[in-house]
Amino acid sequence: MPFRWRPDGTYVKKLSHTRRIMPFLMHGRTESTVYYEQHIEVEKAWKYVEEFRGKAGLKASILHFIIWRAAQVLDQRPALNRFVAGRRIYQREGIWVSFSMKKEMNDDAPLVVVKKKIDPSWTFEETVRQIQSGIEKGRAGGKSTSDKEMALVFSFPNFMVSFFTWLLKTVNHFGWLPKSLIQADELFGSVFIANLGSIGLQPAYHHLYEWGDIPIFMALGTNEPRMMLDDRGRPAVKDMMTIRYSFDERINDGFYSIKALELLKQLVENPEMEIHSERDNSLPDEAPGI
């Protein structure tokens, strides 16, 4: 099966012709992006995180909680954990989450991007410990693999930089990038999360990157009071978070994706909720392989 093997994913054979043709009609993630806004009640989630801090003595935040829940959703809705490369759709191996933060809370401080493989079977405490180790490493000041690679590339003239980027994109198109490079690069992953709420901002709709293969970008906003309906249908002021998504529609259809976001909303709004049902293996758009 030439050009269908990749170190970070498995080629999805059983797709309808409609799904398979999409990467040929829409070549890049930019022209394939769908935008979606979601409002989630986070009062219970914040209370859960604050109680966890007191019990575990760990610096947990709402970002840790959403990463934990997002990994569970991607496990339950596995057809969302896909990506497009070389005009083909692949099922990703593992759940990889990239997220960004400031090294320090000032205008001149650089952004740190952390990438972690998240096991959906982990408890919240296990997830926090794993994420925290990546954050501490990023804030320690050492250069990441991407930083070192770019420093090497920019030691050459600009025309050589253009050639190197073209070469890397071509190699990635055919699935020939080494596994070590893919795992170290923050733009190869299941989802990218930007917590703009941590610096007091509301989220923007962020673009998807043509480099790498991340198909979903989540921008989290700050909490704000909103007039909503309570369980009895009466108006009530609730603490809400706005999340804006940018999504590569080539990997799956809107119905399947919205069901996944509804599940995420339920899990965030109900911190004690456990997933008892088995993962959803009824993947849409599948047809006998040819």
C-alpha atoms as a PDB file:
ATOM      1  CA  MET A   1       0.000   0.000   0.000  1.00  0.00           C
ATOM      2  CA  PRO A   2       2.392   2.739  -1.212  1.00  0.00           C
ATOM      3  CA  PHE A   3       2.205   6.214   0.332  1.00  0.00           C
ATOM      4  CA  ARG A   4      -0.569   5.190   2.732  1.00  0.00           C
ATOM      5  CA  TRP A   5       1.527   4.356   5.781  1.00  0.00           C
ATOM      6  CA  ARG A   6       2.440   7.040   8.308  1.00  0.00           C
ATOM      7  CA  PRO A   7       4.177   6.778  11.690  1.00  0.00           C
ATOM      8  CA  ASP A   8       1.422   8.825  13.397  1.00  0.00           C
ATOM      9  CA  GLY A   9      -1.723   7.306  11.923  1.00  0.00           C
ATOM     10  CA  THR A  10      -3.508   4.506  10.092  1.00  0.00           C
ATOM     11  CA  TYR A  11      -5.027   5.050   6.665  1.00  0.00           C
ATOM     12  CA  VAL A  12      -8.835   4.898   6.852  1.00  0.00           C
ATOM     13  CA  LYS A  13      -9.927   2.525   4.075  1.00  0.00           C
ATOM     14  CA  LYS A  14     -13.656   2.349   4.651  1.00  0.00           C
ATOM     15  CA  LEU A  15     -14.901   5.792   3.717  1.00  0.00           C
ATOM     16  CA  SER A  16     -17.691   6.902   1.408  1.00  0.00           C
ATOM     17  CA  HIS A  17     -16.637   8.403  -1.896  1.00  0.00           C
ATOM     18  CA  THR A  18     -18.033  11.759  -0.714  1.00  0.00           C
ATOM     19  CA  ARG A  19     -15.655  11.797   2.245  1.00  0.00           C
ATOM     20  CA  ARG A  20     -12.688  10.512   0.251  1.00  0.00           C
ATOM     21  CA  ILE A  21     -13.023  13.175  -2.459  1.00  0.00           C
ATOM     22  CA  MET A  22     -12.980  16.106  -0.012  1.00  0.00           C
ATOM     23  CA  PRO A  23      -9.165  16.369   0.347  1.00  0.00           C
ATOM     24  CA  PHE A  24      -8.955  16.552  -3.455  1.00  0.00           C
ATOM     25  CA  LEU A  25     -11.566  19.321  -3.696  1.00  0.00           C
ATOM     26  CA  MET A  26     -10.240  21.270  -0.691  1.00  0.00           C
ATOM     27  CA  HIS A  27      -6.458  20.988  -0.638  1.00  0.00           C
ATOM     28  CA  GLY A  28      -5.670  22.916   2.532  1.00  0.00           C
ATOM     29  CA  ARG A  29      -6.988  23.256   6.063  1.00  0.00           C
ATOM     30  CA  THR A  30      -7.562  26.982   5.571  1.00  0.00           C
ATOM     31  CA  GLU A  31     -10.203  26.552   2.853  1.00  0.00           C
ATOM     32  CA  SER A  32     -11.709  23.576   4.723  1.00  0.00           C
ATOM     33  CA  THR A  33     -12.294  25.355   8.043  1.00  0.00           C
ATOM     34  CA  VAL A  34     -15.689  25.504   9.722  1.00  0.00           C
ATOM     35  CA  TYR A  35     -16.184  27.828  12.718  1.00  0.00           C
ATOM     36  CA  TYR A  36     -18.378  27.083  15.721  1.00  0.00           C
ATOM     37  CA  GLU A  37     -19.115  28.853  19.009  1.00  0.00           C
ATOM     38  CA  GLN A  38     -20.143  27.154  22.243  1.00  0.00           C
ATOM     39  CA  HIS A  39     -21.149  28.506  25.666  1.00  0.00           C
ATOM     40  CA  ILE A  40     -20.461  26.258  28.648  1.00  0.00           C
ATOM     41  CA  GLU A  41     -21.491  26.755  32.269  1.00  0.00           C
ATOM     42  CA  VAL A  42     -18.301  26.439  34.339  1.00  0.00           C
ATOM     43  CA  GLU A  43     -19.355  27.220  37.916  1.00  0.00           C
ATOM     44  CA  LYS A  44     -19.328  23.552  38.933  1.00  0.00           C
ATOM     45  CA  ALA A  45     -16.106  22.915  37.028  1.00  0.00           C
ATOM     46  CA  TRP A  46     -14.299  25.729  38.840  1.00  0.00           C
ATOM     47  CA  LYS A  47     -15.579  24.467  42.185  1.00  0.00           C
ATOM     48  CA  TYR A  48     -14.359  20.973  41.296  1.00  0.00           C
ATOM     49  CA  VAL A  49     -10.904  22.328  40.375  1.00  0.00           C
ATOM     50  CA  GLU A  50     -10.647  24.444  43.538  1.00  0.00           C
ATOM     51  CA  GLU A  51     -11.590  21.490  45.756  1.00  0.00           C
ATOM     52  CA  PHE A  52      -9.054  19.351  43.895  1.00  0.00           C
ATOM     53  CA  ARG A  53      -6.336  21.941  44.558  1.00  0.00           C
ATOM     54  CA  GLY A  54      -7.039  21.768  48.273  1.00  0.00           C
ATOM     55  CA  LYS A  55      -6.998  17.973  48.394  1.00  0.00           C
ATOM     56  CA  ALA A  56      -4.135  17.197  45.991  1.00  0.00           C
ATOM     57  CA  GLY A  57      -2.001  20.285  46.532  1.00  0.00           C
ATOM     58  CA  LEU A  58      -1.494  20.681  42.772  1.00  0.00           C
ATOM     59  CA  LYS A  59      -1.779  23.847  40.684  1.00  0.00           C
ATOM     60  CA  ALA A  60      -4.733  22.799  38.580  1.00  0.00           C
ATOM     61  CA  SER A  61      -6.794  25.128  36.395  1.00  0.00           C
ATOM     62  CA  ILE A  62      -9.803  25.028  34.126  1.00  0.00           C
ATOM     63  CA  LEU A  63      -7.382  24.369  31.244  1.00  0.00           C
ATOM     64  CA  HIS A  64      -6.262  21.096  32.857  1.00  0.00           C
ATOM     65  CA  PHE A  65      -9.903  20.130  33.352  1.00  0.00           C
ATOM     66  CA  ILE A  66     -10.899  20.828  29.741  1.00  0.00           C
ATOM     67  CA  ILE A  67      -7.865  18.938  28.400  1.00  0.00           C
ATOM     68  CA  TRP A  68      -8.857  15.948  30.563  1.00  0.00           C
ATOM     69  CA  ARG A  69     -12.452  16.047  29.324  1.00  0.00           C
ATOM     70  CA  ALA A  70     -11.450  16.657  25.691  1.00  0.00           C
ATOM     71  CA  ALA A  71      -9.282  13.514  25.742  1.00  0.00           C
ATOM     72  CA  GLN A  72     -12.255  11.506  27.006  1.00  0.00           C
ATOM     73  CA  VAL A  73     -14.433  12.892  24.209  1.00  0.00           C
ATOM     74  CA  LEU A  74     -11.846  12.006  21.552  1.00  0.00           C
ATOM     75  CA  ASP A  75     -11.721   8.486  22.990  1.00  0.00           C
ATOM     76  CA  GLN A  76     -15.521   8.166  22.917  1.00  0.00           C
ATOM     77  CA  ARG A  77     -15.827   9.744  19.470  1.00  0.00           C
ATOM     78  CA  PRO A  78     -12.700   8.342  17.773  1.00  0.00           C
ATOM     79  CA  ALA A  79     -13.630   9.433  14.260  1.00  0.00           C
ATOM     80  CA  LEU A  80     -12.923  12.982  15.405  1.00  0.00           C
ATOM     81  CA  ASN A  81      -9.316  11.997  16.123  1.00  0.00           C
ATOM     82  CA  ARG A  82      -8.415  11.944  12.443  1.00  0.00           C
ATOM     83  CA  PHE A  83      -6.332  14.104  10.146  1.00  0.00           C
ATOM     84  CA  VAL A  84      -5.665  14.738   6.464  1.00  0.00           C
ATOM     85  CA  ALA A  85      -2.218  14.275   4.909  1.00  0.00           C
ATOM     86  CA  GLY A  86      -1.289  13.654   1.281  1.00  0.00           C
ATOM     87  CA  ARG A  87      -4.975  13.902   0.195  1.00  0.00           C
ATOM     88  CA  ARG A  88      -5.774  10.949   2.483  1.00  0.00           C
ATOM     89  CA  ILE A  89      -7.619  10.633   5.798  1.00  0.00           C
ATOM     90  CA  TYR A  90      -5.876   8.882   8.690  1.00  0.00           C
ATOM     91  CA  GLN A  91      -6.910   7.677  12.127  1.00  0.00           C
ATOM     92  CA  ARG A  92      -4.429   9.136  14.607  1.00  0.00           C
ATOM     93  CA  GLU A  93      -2.407   6.903  16.892  1.00  0.00           C
ATOM     94  CA  GLY A  94      -3.047   8.179  20.411  1.00  0.00           C
ATOM     95  CA  ILE A  95      -4.546  11.425  21.683  1.00  0.00           C
ATOM     96  CA  TRP A  96      -2.088  14.324  21.476  1.00  0.00           C
ATOM     97  CA  VAL A  97      -3.020  17.734  22.876  1.00  0.00           C
ATOM     98  CA  SER A  98      -1.035  20.916  22.220  1.00  0.00           C
ATOM     99  CA  PHE A  99      -1.696  24.054  24.254  1.00  0.00           C
ATOM    100  CA  SER A 100      -0.147  27.494  24.579  1.00  0.00           C
ATOM    101  CA  MET A 101       0.562  29.852  27.469  1.00  0.00           C
ATOM    102  CA  LYS A 102       2.709  32.852  28.359  1.00  0.00           C
ATOM    103  CA  LYS A 103       5.968  32.220  30.206  1.00  0.00           C
ATOM    104  CA  GLU A 104       5.207  35.289  32.291  1.00  0.00           C
ATOM    105  CA  MET A 105       2.236  37.650  32.502  1.00  0.00           C
ATOM    106  CA  ASN A 106       3.711  40.623  30.641  1.00  0.00           C
ATOM    107  CA  ASP A 107       3.596  41.957  27.063  1.00  0.00           C
ATOM    108  CA  ASP A 108       7.155  40.971  26.179  1.00  0.00           C
ATOM    109  CA  ALA A 109       7.047  37.425  27.528  1.00  0.00           C
ATOM    110  CA  PRO A 110       7.177  34.741  24.806  1.00  0.00           C
ATOM    111  CA  LEU A 111       4.508  32.115  24.287  1.00  0.00           C
ATOM    112  CA  VAL A 112       5.246  28.557  25.318  1.00  0.00           C
ATOM    113  CA  VAL A 113       3.604  25.713  23.399  1.00  0.00           C
ATOM    114  CA  VAL A 114       3.387  22.345  25.157  1.00  0.00           C
ATOM    115  CA  LYS A 115       2.391  19.034  23.602  1.00  0.00           C
ATOM    116  CA  LYS A 116       1.401  15.986  25.638  1.00  0.00           C
ATOM    117  CA  LYS A 117       0.027  12.552  24.862  1.00  0.00           C
ATOM    118  CA  ILE A 118      -3.060  12.151  27.057  1.00  0.00           C
ATOM    119  CA  ASP A 119      -4.408   8.775  28.115  1.00  0.00           C
ATOM    120  CA  PRO A 120      -8.216   9.071  28.417  1.00  0.00           C
ATOM    121  CA  SER A 121      -8.210   6.445  31.180  1.00  0.00           C
ATOM    122  CA  TRP A 122      -6.180   8.704  33.480  1.00  0.00           C
ATOM    123  CA  THR A 123      -7.823  10.265  36.513  1.00  0.00           C
ATOM    124  CA  PHE A 124      -7.921  14.053  36.724  1.00  0.00           C
ATOM    125  CA  GLU A 125      -4.963  13.980  39.116  1.00  0.00           C
ATOM    126  CA  GLU A 126      -2.860  11.846  36.762  1.00  0.00           C
ATOM    127  CA  THR A 127      -3.688  14.191  33.890  1.00  0.00           C
ATOM    128  CA  VAL A 128      -2.745  17.280  35.912  1.00  0.00           C
ATOM    129  CA  ARG A 129       0.596  15.761  36.933  1.00  0.00           C
ATOM    130  CA  GLN A 130       1.455  14.856  33.342  1.00  0.00           C
ATOM    131  CA  ILE A 131       0.472  18.277  31.996  1.00  0.00           C
ATOM    132  CA  GLN A 132       2.277  20.095  34.808  1.00  0.00           C
ATOM    133  CA  SER A 133       5.533  18.347  33.969  1.00  0.00           C
ATOM    134  CA  GLY A 134       5.289  19.671  30.407  1.00  0.00           C
ATOM    135  CA  ILE A 135       4.445  23.191  31.602  1.00  0.00           C
ATOM    136  CA  GLU A 136       7.390  23.299  34.012  1.00  0.00           C
ATOM    137  CA  LYS A 137       9.716  22.119  31.263  1.00  0.00           C
ATOM    138  CA  GLY A 138       8.400  24.782  28.881  1.00  0.00           C
ATOM    139  CA  ARG A 139       8.712  27.569  31.439  1.00  0.00           C
ATOM    140  CA  ALA A 140      12.200  26.489  32.505  1.00  0.00           C
ATOM    141  CA  GLY A 141      13.625  28.423  29.584  1.00  0.00           C
ATOM    142  CA  GLY A 142      15.175  25.550  27.626  1.00  0.00           C
ATOM    143  CA  LYS A 143      14.711  25.490  23.869  1.00  0.00           C
ATOM    144  CA  SER A 144      12.139  23.107  22.444  1.00  0.00           C
ATOM    145  CA  THR A 145      12.853  20.795  19.531  1.00  0.00           C
ATOM    146  CA  SER A 146      11.010  23.207  17.215  1.00  0.00           C
ATOM    147  CA  ASP A 147      13.087  26.141  18.468  1.00  0.00           C
ATOM    148  CA  LYS A 148      16.309  24.255  17.784  1.00  0.00           C
ATOM    149  CA  GLU A 149      15.147  23.213  14.312  1.00  0.00           C
ATOM    150  CA  MET A 150      14.186  26.781  13.369  1.00  0.00           C
ATOM    151  CA  ALA A 151      17.457  28.163  14.724  1.00  0.00           C
ATOM    152  CA  LEU A 152      19.287  25.746  12.432  1.00  0.00           C
ATOM    153  CA  VAL A 153      17.107  26.585   9.406  1.00  0.00           C
ATOM    154  CA  PHE A 154      17.547  30.350   9.806  1.00  0.00           C
ATOM    155  CA  SER A 155      21.302  30.020   9.796  1.00  0.00           C
ATOM    156  CA  PHE A 156      20.895  29.658   6.011  1.00  0.00           C
ATOM    157  CA  PRO A 157      19.883  32.337   3.438  1.00  0.00           C
ATOM    158  CA  ASN A 158      16.164  32.968   2.882  1.00  0.00           C
ATOM    159  CA  PHE A 159      16.030  31.146  -0.451  1.00  0.00           C
ATOM    160  CA  MET A 160      17.356  28.037   1.322  1.00  0.00           C
ATOM    161  CA  VAL A 161      14.732  28.443   4.059  1.00  0.00           C
ATOM    162  CA  SER A 162      12.042  28.423   1.354  1.00  0.00           C
ATOM    163  CA  PHE A 163      13.558  25.279  -0.110  1.00  0.00           C
ATOM    164  CA  PHE A 164      13.717  23.524   3.293  1.00  0.00           C
ATOM    165  CA  THR A 165      10.075  24.323   4.105  1.00  0.00           C
ATOM    166  CA  TRP A 166       8.979  23.084   0.663  1.00  0.00           C
ATOM    167  CA  LEU A 167      11.018  19.916   1.174  1.00  0.00           C
ATOM    168  CA  LEU A 168       9.536  19.231   4.623  1.00  0.00           C
ATOM    169  CA  LYS A 169       5.976  19.736   3.342  1.00  0.00           C
ATOM    170  CA  THR A 170       6.663  17.381   0.414  1.00  0.00           C
ATOM    171  CA  VAL A 171       8.165  14.733   2.687  1.00  0.00           C
ATOM    172  CA  ASN A 172       5.167  15.040   5.027  1.00  0.00           C
ATOM    173  CA  HIS A 173       2.775  14.755   2.063  1.00  0.00           C
ATOM    174  CA  PHE A 174       4.146  11.279   1.330  1.00  0.00           C
ATOM    175  CA  GLY A 175       4.329  10.269   5.001  1.00  0.00           C
ATOM    176  CA  TRP A 176       8.114  10.108   5.150  1.00  0.00           C
ATOM    177  CA  LEU A 177       8.704  12.368   8.143  1.00  0.00           C
ATOM    178  CA  PRO A 178      10.375  10.431  10.998  1.00  0.00           C
ATOM    179  CA  LYS A 179       8.225   9.590  14.013  1.00  0.00           C
ATOM    180  CA  SER A 180      10.596  11.423  16.359  1.00  0.00           C
ATOM    181  CA  LEU A 181      10.109  14.713  14.471  1.00  0.00           C
ATOM    182  CA  ILE A 182       6.319  14.318  14.368  1.00  0.00           C
ATOM    183  CA  GLN A 183       6.046  13.576  18.089  1.00  0.00           C
ATOM    184  CA  ALA A 184       8.253  16.563  18.965  1.00  0.00           C
ATOM    185  CA  ASP A 185       6.394  19.048  16.747  1.00  0.00           C
ATOM    186  CA  GLU A 186       3.475  20.763  18.516  1.00  0.00           C
ATOM    187  CA  LEU A 187       1.552  21.210  15.244  1.00  0.00           C
ATOM    188  CA  PHE A 188       1.093  17.462  14.786  1.00  0.00           C
ATOM    189  CA  GLY A 189      -1.694  16.496  17.160  1.00  0.00           C
ATOM    190  CA  SER A 190      -5.352  15.845  17.850  1.00  0.00           C
ATOM    191  CA  VAL A 191      -6.286  19.334  19.032  1.00  0.00           C
ATOM    192  CA  PHE A 192      -4.669  22.694  19.816  1.00  0.00           C
ATOM    193  CA  ILE A 193      -6.060  24.626  22.810  1.00  0.00           C
ATOM    194  CA  ALA A 194      -5.358  28.313  23.465  1.00  0.00           C
ATOM    195  CA  ASN A 195      -6.504  29.517  26.885  1.00  0.00           C
ATOM    196  CA  LEU A 196      -7.054  33.227  26.223  1.00  0.00           C
ATOM    197  CA  GLY A 197      -9.181  33.424  29.346  1.00  0.00           C
ATOM    198  CA  SER A 198      -6.036  33.040  31.452  1.00  0.00           C
ATOM    199  CA  ILE A 199      -4.947  36.519  30.314  1.00  0.00           C
ATOM    200  CA  GLY A 200      -8.429  38.027  30.635  1.00  0.00           C
ATOM    201  CA  LEU A 201      -9.448  37.858  26.969  1.00  0.00           C
ATOM    202  CA  GLN A 202     -12.421  36.525  25.090  1.00  0.00           C
ATOM    203  CA  PRO A 203     -11.569  33.985  22.378  1.00  0.00           C
ATOM    204  CA  ALA A 204     -11.046  34.661  18.695  1.00  0.00           C
ATOM    205  CA  TYR A 205     -11.617  32.230  15.841  1.00  0.00           C
ATOM    206  CA  HIS A 206      -8.091  31.009  15.244  1.00  0.00           C
ATOM    207  CA  HIS A 207      -6.813  29.804  11.880  1.00  0.00           C
ATOM    208  CA  LEU A 208      -5.698  26.224  11.313  1.00  0.00           C
ATOM    209  CA  TYR A 209      -2.090  25.612  10.300  1.00  0.00           C
ATOM    210  CA  GLU A 210      -1.162  24.209   6.906  1.00  0.00           C
ATOM    211  CA  TRP A 211       2.009  22.778   8.423  1.00  0.00           C
ATOM    212  CA  GLY A 212       1.423  19.754  10.653  1.00  0.00           C
ATOM    213  CA  ASP A 213      -1.907  17.989  10.777  1.00  0.00           C
ATOM    214  CA  ILE A 214      -3.972  19.440  13.657  1.00  0.00           C
ATOM    215  CA  PRO A 215      -7.636  19.528  12.493  1.00  0.00           C
ATOM    216  CA  ILE A 216      -9.213  21.250  15.535  1.00  0.00           C
ATOM    217  CA  PHE A 217      -8.350  24.532  17.245  1.00  0.00           C
ATOM    218  CA  MET A 218     -10.092  25.488  20.506  1.00  0.00           C
ATOM    219  CA  ALA A 219      -9.858  29.030  21.886  1.00  0.00           C
ATOM    220  CA  LEU A 220     -11.060  29.382  25.479  1.00  0.00           C
ATOM    221  CA  GLY A 221     -12.332  32.704  26.807  1.00  0.00           C
ATOM    222  CA  THR A 222     -12.594  34.228  30.236  1.00  0.00           C
ATOM    223  CA  ASN A 223     -15.594  33.485  32.436  1.00  0.00           C
ATOM    224  CA  GLU A 224     -18.452  35.971  32.299  1.00  0.00           C
ATOM    225  CA  PRO A 225     -21.992  36.130  33.741  1.00  0.00           C
ATOM    226  CA  ARG A 226     -24.726  35.406  31.206  1.00  0.00           C
ATOM    227  CA  MET A 227     -28.498  35.244  31.473  1.00  0.00           C
ATOM    228  CA  MET A 228     -29.503  31.624  30.852  1.00  0.00           C
ATOM    229  CA  LEU A 229     -32.377  29.311  31.707  1.00  0.00           C
ATOM    230  CA  ASP A 230     -32.062  27.079  34.763  1.00  0.00           C
ATOM    231  CA  ASP A 231     -33.247  23.462  35.037  1.00  0.00           C
ATOM    232  CA  ARG A 232     -36.841  24.659  35.509  1.00  0.00           C
ATOM    233  CA  GLY A 233     -36.754  26.991  32.518  1.00  0.00           C
ATOM    234  CA  ARG A 234     -36.498  30.167  34.602  1.00  0.00           C
ATOM    235  CA  PRO A 235     -34.064  33.011  33.795  1.00  0.00           C
ATOM    236  CA  ALA A 236     -30.886  32.853  35.876  1.00  0.00           C
ATOM    237  CA  VAL A 237     -27.423  34.425  35.772  1.00  0.00           C
ATOM    238  CA  LYS A 238     -24.740  31.778  35.285  1.00  0.00           C
ATOM    239  CA  ASP A 239     -20.957  31.780  35.037  1.00  0.00           C
ATOM    240  CA  MET A 240     -20.267  30.903  31.399  1.00  0.00           C
ATOM    241  CA  MET A 241     -17.190  30.291  29.239  1.00  0.00           C
ATOM    242  CA  THR A 242     -17.171  30.862  25.500  1.00  0.00           C
ATOM    243  CA  ILE A 243     -15.223  28.385  23.376  1.00  0.00           C
ATOM    244  CA  ARG A 244     -14.644  29.056  19.693  1.00  0.00           C
ATOM    245  CA  TYR A 245     -13.679  26.184  17.427  1.00  0.00           C
ATOM    246  CA  SER A 246     -11.980  26.058  14.053  1.00  0.00           C
ATOM    247  CA  PHE A 247     -12.490  22.640  12.504  1.00  0.00           C
ATOM    248  CA  ASP A 248     -11.227  20.884   9.375  1.00  0.00           C
ATOM    249  CA  GLU A 249     -14.505  19.567   7.949  1.00  0.00           C
ATOM    250  CA  ARG A 250     -12.728  17.051   5.722  1.00  0.00           C
ATOM    251  CA  ILE A 251     -12.151  14.652   8.627  1.00  0.00           C
ATOM    252  CA  ASN A 252     -15.800  14.184   9.541  1.00  0.00           C
ATOM    253  CA  ASP A 253     -19.338  15.461   9.115  1.00  0.00           C
ATOM    254  CA  GLY A 254     -21.070  18.150  11.155  1.00  0.00           C
ATOM    255  CA  PHE A 255     -23.588  15.865  12.883  1.00  0.00           C
ATOM    256  CA  TYR A 256     -20.892  13.587  14.310  1.00  0.00           C
ATOM    257  CA  SER A 257     -18.778  16.565  15.369  1.00  0.00           C
ATOM    258  CA  ILE A 258     -21.634  18.441  17.065  1.00  0.00           C
ATOM    259  CA  LYS A 259     -22.521  15.293  19.024  1.00  0.00           C
ATOM    260  CA  ALA A 260     -18.924  15.246  20.263  1.00  0.00           C
ATOM    261  CA  LEU A 261     -19.120  18.907  21.353  1.00  0.00           C
ATOM    262  CA  GLU A 262     -22.399  18.242  23.134  1.00  0.00           C
ATOM    263  CA  LEU A 263     -20.679  15.444  25.037  1.00  0.00           C
ATOM    264  CA  LEU A 264     -17.812  17.794  25.964  1.00  0.00           C
ATOM    265  CA  LYS A 265     -20.331  20.359  27.230  1.00  0.00           C
ATOM    266  CA  GLN A 266     -22.022  17.725  29.401  1.00  0.00           C
ATOM    267  CA  LEU A 267     -18.719  16.522  30.841  1.00  0.00           C
ATOM    268  CA  VAL A 268     -17.490  20.032  31.670  1.00  0.00           C
ATOM    269  CA  GLU A 269     -20.793  21.162  33.182  1.00  0.00           C
ATOM    270  CA  ASN A 270     -21.034  17.968  35.267  1.00  0.00           C
ATOM    271  CA  PRO A 271     -17.563  17.336  36.745  1.00  0.00           C
ATOM    272  CA  GLU A 272     -18.612  14.205  38.639  1.00  0.00           C
ATOM    273  CA  MET A 273     -20.110  12.622  35.525  1.00  0.00           C
ATOM    274  CA  GLU A 274     -18.472   9.389  34.438  1.00  0.00           C
ATOM    275  CA  ILE A 275     -18.635   7.781  31.016  1.00  0.00           C
ATOM    276  CA  HIS A 276     -20.109   4.340  31.514  1.00  0.00           C
ATOM    277  CA  SER A 277     -20.935   3.458  27.930  1.00  0.00           C
ATOM    278  CA  GLU A 278     -18.333   1.977  25.643  1.00  0.00           C
ATOM    279  CA  ARG A 279     -16.702   4.152  23.010  1.00  0.00           C
ATOM    280  CA  ASP A 280     -18.783   4.929  19.928  1.00  0.00           C
ATOM    281  CA  ASN A 281     -17.558   2.695  17.125  1.00  0.00           C
ATOM    282  CA  SER A 282     -20.388   3.555  14.761  1.00  0.00           C
ATOM    283  CA  LEU A 283     -18.263   5.800  12.592  1.00  0.00           C
ATOM    284  CA  PRO A 284     -20.092   7.872   9.963  1.00  0.00           C
ATOM    285  CA  ASP A 285     -19.397   7.981   6.248  1.00  0.00           C
ATOM    286  CA  GLU A 286     -17.978   4.490   6.244  1.00  0.00           C
ATOM    287  CA  ALA A 287     -18.476   2.256   3.246  1.00  0.00           C
ATOM    288  CA  PRO A 288     -16.876  -1.002   2.149  1.00  0.00           C
ATOM    289  CA  GLY A 289     -13.245  -0.483   1.154  1.00  0.00           C
ATOM    290  CA  ILE A 290     -12.280  -0.563  -2.458  1.00  0.00           C
END
